Amino acid sequence: MYSCHQCSFHIHSSCSMIPIPIISCDNQNHVQYTCHDRPMTPVERNDGVIIDCFACQLPWSSGPAYTCQQSCQTILHKECAELPQKIEHSSLHPHHPLKLQISGPRSCNACYKRNYWVMFQCEECTFNLCPDCAFLFPTVRWRRHNHRLFLMERGWSVDHNCYVCNNTRHQVHRVKDEVHHTRSLLFRCMEIECDLNIHFLCGPLPRTIKHECHVHPLILVDSIKYDDSNEYYCDICEETRDEQFRVYFCTVCKYVAHIHCVLDEVLKALKGERRDVELIAVGDARWMMPNNDVEATATTTLTLSNIMETLTEKERKQLMKPFGSSSSRETYFKREFERKREENSRFECKGDNQDIQRIQNLFNLSASDFQENYLDEFWCFEAKEGLKMEEMYLKMNVVDVKGYQVPETLEPVLRTLLHKYGDLRGYSFLTPQMKSIACTFLCIVLDRMSTTKLEDITKDLLLQWYFYLLGIRNITGFKIASSLFDRLEKLIATFVGREAIRFKTEMVTRLEKRIPEIEKELETSKVDLVRNVVCISCLKFIQLLSVYIQM
C-alpha cells in the first residue's frame, strides 16, 4: 500500500494503477483535466452506453462531456469539467475557502453521499463538498425556524431524525409510493447550532398551488379521507394513496392529488419561481387560527438559554425533580411503576404463542381497567433527566407573547393556545422566567402531540408526554394542562385500540405464513410414521419367523 504522511491518503498498490484525471490550472485560473498524461478531449455521445461521471457520479450517455483518449472510459460532464478552482461558500463553510481537489473517495458534508473523487475541500479542516452541493444555497424560509433551509434534491444519503415526525426515513411506517417518489428530497438547516433535517413530505411546502391538472386551486392538507372504505385514490395518476400522508385537495370538487404528482409546481414555488407563496409543514395549519387577536413582540437578541441562566437554584431543582426530591417518594413511585408495568405486560405482544391471549386481553380491556390499571403506569412514570430542554430550543431567539417568552418557532402554538383558552394563569409566586420556561415545555409537548402520526406513536413516547404535562402542571398550576390531559388520555386509549388491531392483523399474517411450514412438517411426520410402521411390521415378522424356525 502507498501512503501520504502529510494528508493521510492511502491507496492499494493495485488501485494505484487505475488512471485518475489530474487537475491543473492555467494563468487565467481555468481548470484543466488530463488523463494518461494527455488532455481530455470533448465528446457528445457514447453510442447509448451509460457511464458515471467521474466528478458528480451521475450517469452520462450523451451531451457535452470530456473523455480520456485512452481506453479507460473516464468521463466528465462539460459542466463538471468547468468547475472553478476555488470557491467561497458563505452558508455551508463561511470561514475558509474551498479548493477543487482529486483525492481518495470521500463523503460530502452536506448530502453525506460517499465515494466522491472530485471534491471542494478545505485545506485548514476536514470539510468537503461535492460538486452538486458546492453551488447549493438555502432558499426556503419556514416561519417556525430562524434560518433559511436548504432544499436537497439528492439527499438520499441523509437519514437523520426528522424534526417534524421524529423518525428517520427508514423508520417511517408503511412506506409507500408517497415516500418512495420523494425519497431523494430533503430540507436541511446546516447551521452549526442546528443541523436540522426534515423529510420532504413533512416539511414546509406551498400551502396553495395552481396546477395544469385541475381548474381550481389546490390546498395542502395533512390528511384526508371521505369514508371508512380504506380505499383512497389520487385523481391524477388514479393510483392508491395512503390517507395518513399529505395531499393537495380541491375544496370545491373534492379533487385529490399526490404531492409527487404535482411535484413540478411544488418545486417551482420552493425555488422562488412563484411569488407570495406561503409555506407550511405538517401540523402548522393547527396553529394558524383566523382573526387571532394575540400579538407577539420580538425581543432583541435574547435566547431561551439566557432565560434559563436567570433561574434560581430552587427552580432548576424543580425542573430536575418536578414532584419533589424525597427519596422515599421516588422509591415508592419507581416500585409502583415497575409493578404496574409488569401487570400491563399482559397486554403487550412479544411475538410468541401467548400473543393470542394477550390480544384477547386488549380487546377485553374495560374502561375501569384502563383508568385504574393501564393509566396508573403513566401516572407513576418519571424520566431520569426530569424536564430537560432540547439544545435546539435553547439557542433560539425568543418572542414575547402576552408576557410569556418562548422560542420564535413555538410562537404560533402559544398564540393559538392563548386565543383559545385565555391566560394560562398558574401559581401567583411563579417568576416570569419560570413561567416562560414551563410555557415552552407545554408548547413543545402540544406541538409534538399534534404533528406525530398515529402510526408513529409508541408507548414510550406517550409516557414521555404524560410525564411532561404532569410535571408542568405540578410546578406551575397551569389550568390548561388539565384539558391537555383529557386529550392525551384519549390518545392513549386510541393507541391501545390500534395496538390490539395491529397485533391481531400481525398474528393472522404470522399464522398464515406458518401454515405451509406446518403442512410440510405434517407430511414429513406422515412419511416418518409410515417408515416406522413398516419397520415395526418387519421386526414383528422377523420375530415370528425366528419362532417358526426354532419350532
Protein backbone atom coordinates (compact mmCIF):
# COMPACT_ATOMS: atom_id res chain seq x y z
CA MET A 1 0.00 0.00 0.00
CA TYR A 2 1.11 3.56 -0.78
CA SER A 3 0.56 6.32 1.80
CA CYS A 4 0.95 10.07 2.02
CA HIS A 5 2.08 11.04 5.53
CA GLN A 6 1.04 14.69 5.10
CA CYS A 7 -2.64 14.21 4.20
CA SER A 8 -3.42 10.65 5.43
CA PHE A 9 -4.10 9.43 1.88
CA HIS A 10 -3.78 5.65 1.41
CA ILE A 11 -4.11 3.56 -1.74
CA HIS A 12 -3.66 -0.12 -2.55
CA SER A 13 -0.82 -0.91 -4.94
CA SER A 14 -3.34 -2.39 -7.38
CA CYS A 15 -5.56 0.69 -7.14
CA SER A 16 -2.58 2.94 -7.84
CA MET A 17 -2.59 1.60 -11.42
CA ILE A 18 -6.13 2.94 -12.04
CA PRO A 19 -5.91 6.13 -14.15
CA ILE A 20 -7.15 9.22 -12.29
CA PRO A 21 -7.66 12.60 -14.01
CA ILE A 22 -5.27 15.32 -12.89
CA ILE A 23 -6.39 18.91 -12.27
CA SER A 24 -4.21 21.76 -13.44
CA CYS A 25 -4.82 25.49 -13.67
CA ASP A 26 -3.67 27.94 -16.33
CA ASN A 27 -2.76 31.60 -15.90
CA GLN A 28 -6.39 32.65 -16.31
CA ASN A 29 -7.39 30.40 -13.39
CA HIS A 30 -9.17 27.97 -15.75
CA VAL A 31 -9.25 24.36 -14.56
CA GLN A 32 -7.92 21.73 -16.96
CA TYR A 33 -8.08 17.93 -16.70
CA THR A 34 -5.55 15.48 -18.05
CA CYS A 35 -5.72 11.68 -18.03
CA HIS A 36 -2.91 9.31 -19.04
CA ASP A 37 -0.73 12.45 -19.35
CA ARG A 38 -2.95 13.77 -22.15
CA PRO A 39 -5.64 16.45 -22.17
CA MET A 40 -9.16 15.05 -22.03
CA THR A 41 -10.99 15.59 -25.31
CA PRO A 42 -14.59 16.78 -25.96
CA VAL A 43 -17.25 14.22 -26.82
CA GLU A 44 -21.00 14.49 -27.50
CA ARG A 45 -22.37 10.95 -27.17
CA ASN A 46 -21.32 7.41 -26.34
CA ASP A 47 -23.50 5.20 -28.59
CA GLY A 48 -26.03 4.52 -25.87
CA VAL A 49 -23.51 3.22 -23.32
CA ILE A 50 -24.12 4.77 -19.88
CA ILE A 51 -21.05 5.74 -17.82
CA ASP A 52 -20.97 7.56 -14.48
CA CYS A 53 -19.29 10.95 -14.47
CA PHE A 54 -16.00 10.86 -12.57
CA ALA A 55 -16.87 14.10 -10.72
CA CYS A 56 -20.59 14.10 -9.86
CA GLN A 57 -21.27 10.32 -10.05
CA LEU A 58 -24.35 10.93 -12.23
CA PRO A 59 -24.80 8.85 -15.41
CA TRP A 60 -23.82 10.16 -18.86
CA SER A 61 -24.66 8.76 -22.28
CA SER A 62 -24.99 11.87 -24.43
CA GLY A 63 -24.45 15.63 -24.28
CA PRO A 64 -21.29 17.75 -23.97
CA ALA A 65 -18.59 15.93 -22.00
CA TYR A 66 -14.87 15.22 -21.86
CA THR A 67 -13.30 11.75 -22.14
CA CYS A 68 -9.87 10.19 -21.91
CA GLN A 69 -8.15 9.47 -25.23
CA GLN A 70 -7.08 6.07 -23.96
CA SER A 71 -9.39 3.12 -23.23
CA CYS A 72 -10.06 3.82 -19.54
CA GLN A 73 -13.53 5.32 -20.26
CA THR A 74 -13.12 8.17 -17.76
CA ILE A 75 -15.93 10.69 -18.41
CA LEU A 76 -16.57 14.23 -17.16
CA HIS A 77 -19.72 16.23 -17.88
CA LYS A 78 -18.83 19.53 -19.56
CA GLU A 79 -20.22 21.47 -16.57
CA CYS A 80 -18.21 19.26 -14.18
CA ALA A 81 -15.03 19.80 -16.20
CA GLU A 82 -15.54 23.56 -15.99
CA LEU A 83 -15.79 23.80 -12.19
CA PRO A 84 -13.81 26.71 -10.69
CA GLN A 85 -10.56 26.01 -8.89
CA LYS A 86 -11.66 27.79 -5.70
CA ILE A 87 -14.98 28.81 -4.18
CA GLU A 88 -16.17 30.53 -1.02
CA HIS A 89 -19.43 29.24 0.40
CA SER A 90 -20.93 31.78 2.78
CA SER A 91 -23.63 29.42 4.05
CA LEU A 92 -22.03 26.00 4.36
CA HIS A 93 -18.42 26.91 5.21
CA PRO A 94 -18.03 30.67 5.70
CA HIS A 95 -14.67 30.66 7.49
CA HIS A 96 -12.31 29.19 4.85
CA PRO A 97 -12.16 28.97 1.04
CA LEU A 98 -12.65 25.57 -0.61
CA LYS A 99 -10.30 24.24 -3.28
CA LEU A 100 -11.14 21.76 -6.01
CA GLN A 101 -9.22 18.55 -5.33
CA ILE A 102 -8.97 14.98 -6.59
CA SER A 103 -8.27 12.52 -3.81
CA GLY A 104 -9.36 9.18 -2.43
CA PRO A 105 -13.12 8.56 -2.19
CA ARG A 106 -14.68 10.84 0.42
CA SER A 107 -18.10 11.79 1.77
CA CYS A 108 -19.80 15.13 1.23
CA ASN A 109 -20.52 17.04 4.45
CA ALA A 110 -23.80 18.34 3.04
CA CYS A 111 -25.56 15.38 1.38
CA TYR A 112 -23.43 12.62 3.02
CA LYS A 113 -23.12 10.75 -0.26
CA ARG A 114 -19.91 8.72 -0.37
CA ASN A 115 -17.18 7.86 -2.86
CA TYR A 116 -16.65 11.26 -4.43
CA TRP A 117 -13.22 11.61 -6.05
CA VAL A 118 -13.62 15.26 -7.07
CA MET A 119 -14.42 17.47 -4.08
CA PHE A 120 -14.17 21.06 -2.94
CA GLN A 121 -12.01 20.67 0.17
CA CYS A 122 -10.97 22.98 2.95
CA GLU A 123 -7.20 22.98 3.37
CA GLU A 124 -7.49 24.00 7.03
CA CYS A 125 -10.09 21.49 8.28
CA THR A 126 -11.79 18.30 7.18
CA PHE A 127 -14.76 19.89 5.43
CA ASN A 128 -15.69 18.54 1.95
CA LEU A 129 -18.37 19.49 -0.55
CA CYS A 130 -19.37 17.50 -3.63
CA PRO A 131 -19.76 19.43 -6.92
CA ASP A 132 -23.56 19.45 -6.58
CA CYS A 133 -23.70 20.84 -3.05
CA ALA A 134 -20.93 23.36 -3.71
CA PHE A 135 -23.41 25.59 -5.53
CA LEU A 136 -26.38 24.93 -3.30
CA PHE A 137 -27.74 27.77 -1.16
CA PRO A 138 -30.56 28.00 1.39
CA THR A 139 -33.71 29.32 -0.27
CA VAL A 140 -36.62 28.03 1.82
CA ARG A 141 -37.93 30.31 4.58
CA TRP A 142 -40.06 28.50 7.16
CA ARG A 143 -41.86 30.61 9.73
CA ARG A 144 -41.03 28.16 12.52
CA HIS A 145 -37.27 28.18 12.07
CA ASN A 146 -34.93 31.15 12.32
CA HIS A 147 -32.59 30.09 9.48
CA ARG A 148 -33.27 29.51 5.82
CA LEU A 149 -33.41 25.84 4.80
CA PHE A 150 -31.59 24.04 2.01
CA LEU A 151 -33.70 22.02 -0.39
CA MET A 152 -31.55 18.94 -1.01
CA GLU A 153 -32.55 17.26 -4.25
CA ARG A 154 -30.06 14.43 -3.85
CA GLY A 155 -30.27 13.98 -0.09
CA TRP A 156 -30.99 10.23 -0.09
CA SER A 157 -27.84 9.53 1.95
CA VAL A 158 -29.09 11.66 4.86
CA ASP A 159 -31.12 9.58 7.30
CA HIS A 160 -31.13 11.63 10.50
CA ASN A 161 -34.25 12.06 12.60
CA CYS A 162 -36.82 14.34 11.03
CA TYR A 163 -37.51 17.44 13.15
CA VAL A 164 -41.27 17.22 12.46
CA CYS A 165 -42.13 13.50 12.72
CA ASN A 166 -39.03 12.48 14.78
CA ASN A 167 -38.41 9.42 12.55
CA THR A 168 -35.60 8.55 10.19
CA ARG A 169 -36.64 7.89 6.62
CA HIS A 170 -36.23 4.13 7.14
CA GLN A 171 -38.38 4.23 10.27
CA VAL A 172 -41.41 5.73 8.53
CA HIS A 173 -44.18 3.18 9.00
CA ARG A 174 -45.95 1.72 5.98
CA VAL A 175 -43.57 3.26 3.47
CA LYS A 176 -45.49 3.54 0.20
CA ASP A 177 -45.24 5.47 -3.05
CA GLU A 178 -45.66 8.76 -1.20
CA VAL A 179 -42.24 8.27 0.40
CA HIS A 180 -40.64 6.38 -2.49
CA HIS A 181 -41.28 9.12 -5.06
CA THR A 182 -39.74 11.88 -2.91
CA ARG A 183 -37.06 9.91 -1.06
CA SER A 184 -34.18 11.94 -2.54
CA LEU A 185 -35.68 15.30 -1.49
CA LEU A 186 -34.92 16.74 1.93
CA PHE A 187 -34.96 20.04 3.82
CA ARG A 188 -31.84 20.79 5.86
CA CYS A 189 -30.53 23.57 8.04
CA MET A 190 -26.76 23.22 8.21
CA GLU A 191 -26.01 26.00 10.65
CA ILE A 192 -23.58 24.65 13.24
CA GLU A 193 -26.03 25.10 16.11
CA CYS A 194 -28.92 23.43 14.26
CA ASP A 195 -28.15 20.60 11.84
CA LEU A 196 -31.92 20.29 11.40
CA ASN A 197 -33.38 17.76 8.94
CA ILE A 198 -36.96 17.49 7.70
CA HIS A 199 -38.47 14.89 5.36
CA PHE A 200 -39.78 16.48 2.18
CA LEU A 201 -43.34 15.26 2.86
CA CYS A 202 -43.18 16.60 6.44
CA GLY A 203 -41.54 19.91 5.57
CA PRO A 204 -42.61 23.40 4.51
CA LEU A 205 -44.47 23.07 1.21
CA PRO A 206 -46.67 25.62 -0.61
CA ARG A 207 -50.00 25.95 1.17
CA THR A 208 -51.78 26.56 -2.14
CA ILE A 209 -50.76 25.76 -5.72
CA LYS A 210 -52.31 26.14 -9.14
CA HIS A 211 -51.62 23.14 -11.40
CA GLU A 212 -52.50 22.42 -15.01
CA CYS A 213 -54.14 19.18 -13.94
CA HIS A 214 -57.09 20.98 -12.34
CA VAL A 215 -59.12 24.12 -12.90
CA HIS A 216 -59.31 25.18 -9.22
CA PRO A 217 -56.50 25.98 -6.75
CA LEU A 218 -55.28 23.01 -4.70
CA ILE A 219 -54.80 23.35 -0.93
CA LEU A 220 -52.28 21.34 1.08
CA VAL A 221 -53.88 19.18 3.81
CA ASP A 222 -52.13 16.89 6.29
CA SER A 223 -54.55 14.01 5.63
CA ILE A 224 -58.00 13.45 4.19
CA LYS A 225 -60.47 10.60 3.76
CA TYR A 226 -64.12 10.59 2.77
CA ASP A 227 -65.34 7.36 4.35
CA ASP A 228 -64.22 4.18 6.12
CA SER A 229 -63.70 2.14 2.95
CA ASN A 230 -59.90 2.19 3.41
CA GLU A 231 -59.55 2.65 -0.36
CA TYR A 232 -58.39 6.11 -1.41
CA TYR A 233 -57.03 7.26 -4.75
CA CYS A 234 -55.18 10.13 -6.41
CA ASP A 235 -57.26 11.79 -9.13
CA ILE A 236 -54.21 12.45 -11.32
CA CYS A 237 -52.48 9.06 -11.52
CA GLU A 238 -55.53 7.10 -10.29
CA GLU A 239 -53.21 5.05 -8.07
CA THR A 240 -53.97 4.33 -4.42
CA ARG A 241 -52.87 6.79 -1.76
CA ASP A 242 -52.27 6.49 1.97
CA GLU A 243 -54.82 8.58 3.87
CA GLN A 244 -52.20 9.39 6.54
CA PHE A 245 -49.98 11.32 4.10
CA ARG A 246 -50.31 14.92 2.97
CA VAL A 247 -52.06 15.63 -0.33
CA TYR A 248 -53.23 18.62 -2.35
CA PHE A 249 -57.00 18.96 -2.22
CA CYS A 250 -59.67 20.98 -4.02
CA THR A 251 -62.36 22.09 -1.58
CA VAL A 252 -64.77 22.86 -4.43
CA CYS A 253 -64.97 19.48 -6.16
CA LYS A 254 -63.07 17.15 -3.75
CA TYR A 255 -60.21 16.61 -6.19
CA VAL A 256 -57.17 14.94 -4.55
CA ALA A 257 -53.57 14.79 -5.82
CA HIS A 258 -50.43 13.08 -4.56
CA ILE A 259 -47.68 15.57 -3.77
CA HIS A 260 -45.35 13.75 -6.16
CA CYS A 261 -47.96 14.09 -8.94
CA VAL A 262 -47.77 17.90 -8.72
CA LEU A 263 -44.09 17.97 -7.76
CA ASP A 264 -43.08 20.20 -10.69
CA GLU A 265 -45.27 23.04 -9.43
CA VAL A 266 -44.24 22.48 -5.79
CA LEU A 267 -40.53 22.72 -6.67
CA LYS A 268 -41.09 25.89 -8.69
CA ALA A 269 -42.64 27.51 -5.61
CA LEU A 270 -39.82 26.33 -3.33
CA LYS A 271 -37.16 27.62 -5.72
CA GLY A 272 -38.67 31.09 -5.82
CA GLU A 273 -40.25 30.90 -9.27
CA ARG A 274 -43.65 31.77 -7.79
CA ARG A 275 -44.37 34.92 -5.79
CA ASP A 276 -46.18 35.33 -2.48
CA VAL A 277 -46.02 31.65 -1.57
CA GLU A 278 -46.92 30.65 2.00
CA LEU A 279 -45.11 27.53 3.20
CA ILE A 280 -46.46 25.20 5.90
CA ALA A 281 -45.12 21.97 7.38
CA VAL A 282 -47.09 19.09 8.90
CA GLY A 283 -49.20 20.39 11.78
CA ASP A 284 -48.67 24.10 11.02
CA ALA A 285 -52.29 24.59 9.96
CA ARG A 286 -53.38 23.82 13.54
CA TRP A 287 -51.68 27.00 14.74
CA MET A 288 -52.97 29.33 12.02
CA MET A 289 -56.24 30.45 13.55
CA PRO A 290 -58.19 33.20 11.74
CA ASN A 291 -58.68 36.57 13.44
CA ASN A 292 -56.15 35.72 16.13
CA ASP A 293 -56.05 38.77 18.40
CA VAL A 294 -52.96 37.64 20.35
CA GLU A 295 -49.89 39.60 19.27
CA ALA A 296 -46.24 38.62 19.59
CA THR A 297 -43.33 41.01 20.09
CA ALA A 298 -39.82 40.06 19.04
CA THR A 299 -37.05 40.61 21.58
CA THR A 300 -33.63 41.89 20.54
CA THR A 301 -31.08 39.11 20.91
CA LEU A 302 -32.46 37.26 23.93
CA THR A 303 -32.31 33.47 23.64
CA LEU A 304 -34.04 30.81 25.70
CA SER A 305 -30.64 29.88 27.12
CA ASN A 306 -30.37 33.43 28.54
CA ILE A 307 -33.68 32.93 30.34
CA MET A 308 -32.60 29.52 31.68
CA GLU A 309 -29.48 31.11 33.15
CA THR A 310 -31.59 33.50 35.26
CA LEU A 311 -33.47 30.67 37.02
CA THR A 312 -32.74 30.24 40.72
CA GLU A 313 -31.17 27.08 42.09
CA LYS A 314 -34.54 26.10 43.53
CA GLU A 315 -36.24 26.49 40.15
CA ARG A 316 -33.55 24.39 38.45
CA LYS A 317 -34.10 21.63 41.01
CA GLN A 318 -37.84 21.80 40.35
CA LEU A 319 -37.21 21.10 36.68
CA MET A 320 -34.97 18.17 37.57
CA LYS A 321 -37.42 16.83 40.18
CA PRO A 322 -40.88 18.23 39.33
CA PHE A 323 -42.56 16.09 42.02
CA GLY A 324 -40.09 16.76 44.81
CA SER A 325 -36.77 15.24 45.80
CA SER A 326 -37.95 12.95 48.61
CA SER A 327 -36.04 9.68 48.29
CA SER A 328 -38.85 7.68 49.90
CA ARG A 329 -41.38 9.09 47.41
CA GLU A 330 -39.04 8.33 44.48
CA THR A 331 -38.53 4.76 45.71
CA TYR A 332 -42.28 4.24 46.12
CA PHE A 333 -43.18 5.54 42.65
CA LYS A 334 -40.35 3.61 41.00
CA ARG A 335 -41.56 0.40 42.66
CA GLU A 336 -45.18 1.15 41.69
CA PHE A 337 -44.18 1.87 38.10
CA GLU A 338 -42.36 -1.46 37.80
CA ARG A 339 -45.33 -3.28 39.34
CA LYS A 340 -47.83 -1.60 37.03
CA ARG A 341 -45.63 -2.23 34.01
CA GLU A 342 -45.44 -5.91 34.94
CA GLU A 343 -49.23 -6.07 35.32
CA ASN A 344 -49.79 -4.33 32.00
CA SER A 345 -47.33 -6.60 30.22
CA ARG A 346 -50.28 -8.96 29.70
CA PHE A 347 -51.40 -6.50 27.00
CA GLU A 348 -48.06 -6.41 25.17
CA CYS A 349 -47.45 -8.91 22.35
CA LYS A 350 -43.99 -10.43 22.28
CA GLY A 351 -44.29 -12.47 19.08
CA ASP A 352 -44.73 -15.79 20.91
CA ASN A 353 -47.61 -18.25 21.35
CA GLN A 354 -49.10 -16.19 24.18
CA ASP A 355 -49.95 -13.37 21.77
CA ILE A 356 -53.45 -14.71 21.10
CA GLN A 357 -54.31 -14.45 24.78
CA ARG A 358 -52.67 -11.01 25.03
CA ILE A 359 -54.74 -9.74 22.10
CA GLN A 360 -57.87 -11.06 23.82
CA ASN A 361 -56.83 -9.17 26.97
CA LEU A 362 -56.52 -5.95 24.97
CA PHE A 363 -59.96 -6.33 23.38
CA ASN A 364 -61.50 -7.11 26.78
CA LEU A 365 -59.88 -4.10 28.49
CA SER A 366 -62.75 -2.30 30.25
CA ALA A 367 -62.95 1.45 30.89
CA SER A 368 -62.36 0.92 34.61
CA ASP A 369 -59.35 -1.36 33.98
CA PHE A 370 -57.94 1.23 31.59
CA GLN A 371 -58.35 4.02 34.13
CA GLU A 372 -57.27 2.12 37.25
CA ASN A 373 -54.52 -0.09 35.87
CA TYR A 374 -53.23 0.97 32.48
CA LEU A 375 -53.11 4.73 33.19
CA ASP A 376 -51.61 4.18 36.63
CA GLU A 377 -48.39 3.12 34.91
CA PHE A 378 -48.28 6.53 33.22
CA TRP A 379 -49.04 8.27 36.49
CA CYS A 380 -46.06 6.61 38.22
CA PHE A 381 -43.53 7.15 35.40
CA GLU A 382 -40.70 9.64 35.95
CA ALA A 383 -37.99 10.48 33.41
CA LYS A 384 -34.48 10.21 34.87
CA GLU A 385 -33.38 13.57 33.45
CA GLY A 386 -36.52 15.38 34.63
CA LEU A 387 -37.88 18.18 32.45
CA LYS A 388 -34.98 18.65 30.06
CA MET A 389 -34.93 21.36 27.39
CA GLU A 390 -33.61 20.36 23.97
CA GLU A 391 -30.43 22.12 22.90
CA MET A 392 -32.08 23.26 19.68
CA TYR A 393 -34.60 25.43 21.55
CA LEU A 394 -32.03 26.85 23.97
CA LYS A 395 -30.16 28.53 21.11
CA MET A 396 -33.25 30.12 19.57
CA ASN A 397 -34.23 33.74 19.96
CA VAL A 398 -37.43 34.26 21.94
CA VAL A 399 -40.53 36.36 21.29
CA ASP A 400 -42.85 37.86 23.88
CA VAL A 401 -46.47 36.69 23.71
CA LYS A 402 -48.56 38.38 26.43
CA GLY A 403 -45.73 38.19 28.96
CA TYR A 404 -44.59 34.66 28.06
CA GLN A 405 -41.23 34.47 26.30
CA VAL A 406 -40.93 31.40 24.08
CA PRO A 407 -38.71 30.40 21.11
CA GLU A 408 -39.95 32.04 17.94
CA THR A 409 -40.70 28.67 16.31
CA LEU A 410 -43.26 27.96 19.07
CA GLU A 411 -44.87 31.39 18.88
CA PRO A 412 -47.80 30.20 16.65
CA VAL A 413 -48.54 27.39 19.13
CA LEU A 414 -48.68 29.74 22.13
CA ARG A 415 -50.70 32.37 20.29
CA THR A 416 -53.30 29.74 19.40
CA LEU A 417 -53.43 28.44 22.98
CA LEU A 418 -53.95 31.92 24.43
CA HIS A 419 -56.54 32.77 21.79
CA LYS A 420 -58.49 29.59 22.57
CA TYR A 421 -58.12 29.29 26.35
CA GLY A 422 -57.19 32.76 27.53
CA ASP A 423 -54.40 33.32 30.07
CA LEU A 424 -52.66 30.19 31.37
CA ARG A 425 -52.83 31.57 34.92
CA GLY A 426 -50.85 29.39 37.33
CA TYR A 427 -49.45 29.94 40.82
CA SER A 428 -49.01 33.57 41.86
CA PHE A 429 -45.50 33.01 43.20
CA LEU A 430 -44.11 31.93 39.79
CA THR A 431 -41.38 34.17 38.39
CA PRO A 432 -41.76 35.40 34.77
CA GLN A 433 -38.71 33.32 33.82
CA MET A 434 -40.17 30.08 35.23
CA LYS A 435 -43.49 30.81 33.53
CA SER A 436 -41.71 31.22 30.20
CA ILE A 437 -39.69 28.00 30.56
CA ALA A 438 -42.73 25.97 31.64
CA CYS A 439 -44.78 27.51 28.82
CA THR A 440 -42.07 26.48 26.34
CA PHE A 441 -42.22 22.87 27.59
CA LEU A 442 -46.00 22.96 27.26
CA CYS A 443 -45.85 24.22 23.65
CA ILE A 444 -43.23 21.61 22.71
CA VAL A 445 -45.37 18.74 24.03
CA LEU A 446 -48.52 20.05 22.37
CA ASP A 447 -46.69 20.58 19.09
CA ARG A 448 -45.29 17.01 19.15
CA MET A 449 -48.69 15.58 20.05
CA SER A 450 -50.22 17.38 17.08
CA THR A 451 -47.59 16.55 14.45
CA THR A 452 -46.88 12.89 15.27
CA LYS A 453 -48.84 10.47 13.09
CA LEU A 454 -50.91 7.85 14.91
CA GLU A 455 -48.88 5.00 13.43
CA ASP A 456 -45.64 6.59 14.72
CA ILE A 457 -46.83 6.87 18.33
CA THR A 458 -45.22 4.46 20.77
CA LYS A 459 -45.88 3.74 24.41
CA ASP A 460 -42.53 5.27 25.40
CA LEU A 461 -43.48 8.47 23.59
CA LEU A 462 -46.84 8.61 25.38
CA LEU A 463 -45.10 8.08 28.74
CA GLN A 464 -42.78 10.98 27.98
CA TRP A 465 -45.63 13.34 27.05
CA TYR A 466 -47.64 12.33 30.12
CA PHE A 467 -44.68 12.94 32.42
CA TYR A 468 -44.02 16.39 30.97
CA LEU A 469 -47.65 17.51 31.24
CA LEU A 470 -47.89 16.17 34.78
CA GLY A 471 -44.62 17.85 35.76
CA ILE A 472 -45.61 21.19 34.21
CA ARG A 473 -48.96 21.16 36.00
CA ASN A 474 -47.32 20.27 39.32
CA ILE A 475 -44.74 23.08 39.08
CA THR A 476 -46.93 25.85 37.65
CA GLY A 477 -50.58 25.05 38.28
CA PHE A 478 -51.41 25.94 34.65
CA LYS A 479 -55.13 25.22 34.27
CA ILE A 480 -54.78 24.34 30.60
CA ALA A 481 -52.71 21.27 31.49
CA SER A 482 -55.89 19.50 32.69
CA SER A 483 -57.55 19.98 29.29
CA LEU A 484 -54.47 18.58 27.59
CA PHE A 485 -54.55 15.57 29.93
CA ASP A 486 -58.03 14.72 28.65
CA ARG A 487 -56.77 14.85 25.08
CA LEU A 488 -53.70 12.78 25.91
CA GLU A 489 -55.70 10.09 27.73
CA LYS A 490 -58.00 9.80 24.71
CA LEU A 491 -54.90 9.46 22.58
CA ILE A 492 -53.60 6.69 24.86
CA ALA A 493 -56.95 4.87 24.56
CA THR A 494 -56.74 5.19 20.77
CA PHE A 495 -53.19 3.82 20.89
CA VAL A 496 -54.35 0.77 22.87
CA GLY A 497 -57.15 0.11 20.38
CA ARG A 498 -54.83 0.44 17.38
CA GLU A 499 -52.29 -1.86 19.04
CA ALA A 500 -54.99 -4.52 19.52
CA ILE A 501 -56.00 -4.30 15.85
CA ARG A 502 -52.38 -4.28 14.69
CA PHE A 503 -51.44 -7.26 16.85
CA LYS A 504 -54.47 -9.17 15.61
CA THR A 505 -53.59 -8.46 11.97
CA GLU A 506 -49.94 -9.39 12.50
CA MET A 507 -50.94 -12.59 14.30
CA VAL A 508 -53.21 -13.66 11.42
CA THR A 509 -50.43 -12.90 8.93
CA ARG A 510 -47.87 -14.77 11.01
CA LEU A 511 -50.14 -17.80 11.35
CA GLU A 512 -50.94 -17.80 7.63
CA LYS A 513 -47.20 -17.88 6.91
CA ARG A 514 -46.83 -20.80 9.31
CA ILE A 515 -49.49 -22.93 7.57
CA PRO A 516 -47.21 -24.12 4.69
CA GLU A 517 -44.43 -24.85 7.18
CA ILE A 518 -46.80 -26.85 9.41
CA GLU A 519 -48.20 -28.72 6.40
CA LYS A 520 -44.66 -29.60 5.33
CA GLU A 521 -43.82 -30.75 8.86
CA LEU A 522 -47.03 -32.83 8.86
CA GLU A 523 -46.10 -34.51 5.57
CA THR A 524 -42.64 -35.26 6.91
CA SER A 525 -44.17 -36.70 10.06
CA LYS A 526 -46.51 -38.87 7.98
CA VAL A 527 -43.57 -40.27 5.99
CA ASP A 528 -41.66 -40.92 9.20
CA LEU A 529 -44.72 -42.58 10.71
CA VAL A 530 -45.17 -44.88 7.71
CA ARG A 531 -41.50 -45.74 7.76
CA ASN A 532 -41.69 -46.54 11.47
CA VAL A 533 -44.82 -48.68 10.98
CA VAL A 534 -43.06 -50.63 8.21
CA CYS A 535 -40.01 -51.11 10.38
CA ILE A 536 -42.15 -52.33 13.30
CA SER A 537 -44.04 -54.69 10.99
CA CYS A 538 -40.81 -56.06 9.59
CA LEU A 539 -39.43 -56.53 13.09
CA LYS A 540 -42.52 -58.47 14.18
CA PHE A 541 -42.34 -60.60 11.04
CA ILE A 542 -38.69 -61.44 11.74
CA GLN A 543 -39.57 -62.31 15.31
CA LEU A 544 -42.39 -64.66 14.18
CA LEU A 545 -40.13 -66.20 11.54
CA SER A 546 -37.47 -66.81 14.15
CA VAL A 547 -40.00 -68.55 16.40
CA TYR A 548 -41.23 -70.69 13.49
CA ILE A 549 -37.66 -71.78 12.57
CA GLN A 550 -36.95 -72.74 16.15
CA MET A 551 -40.01 -74.95 16.09
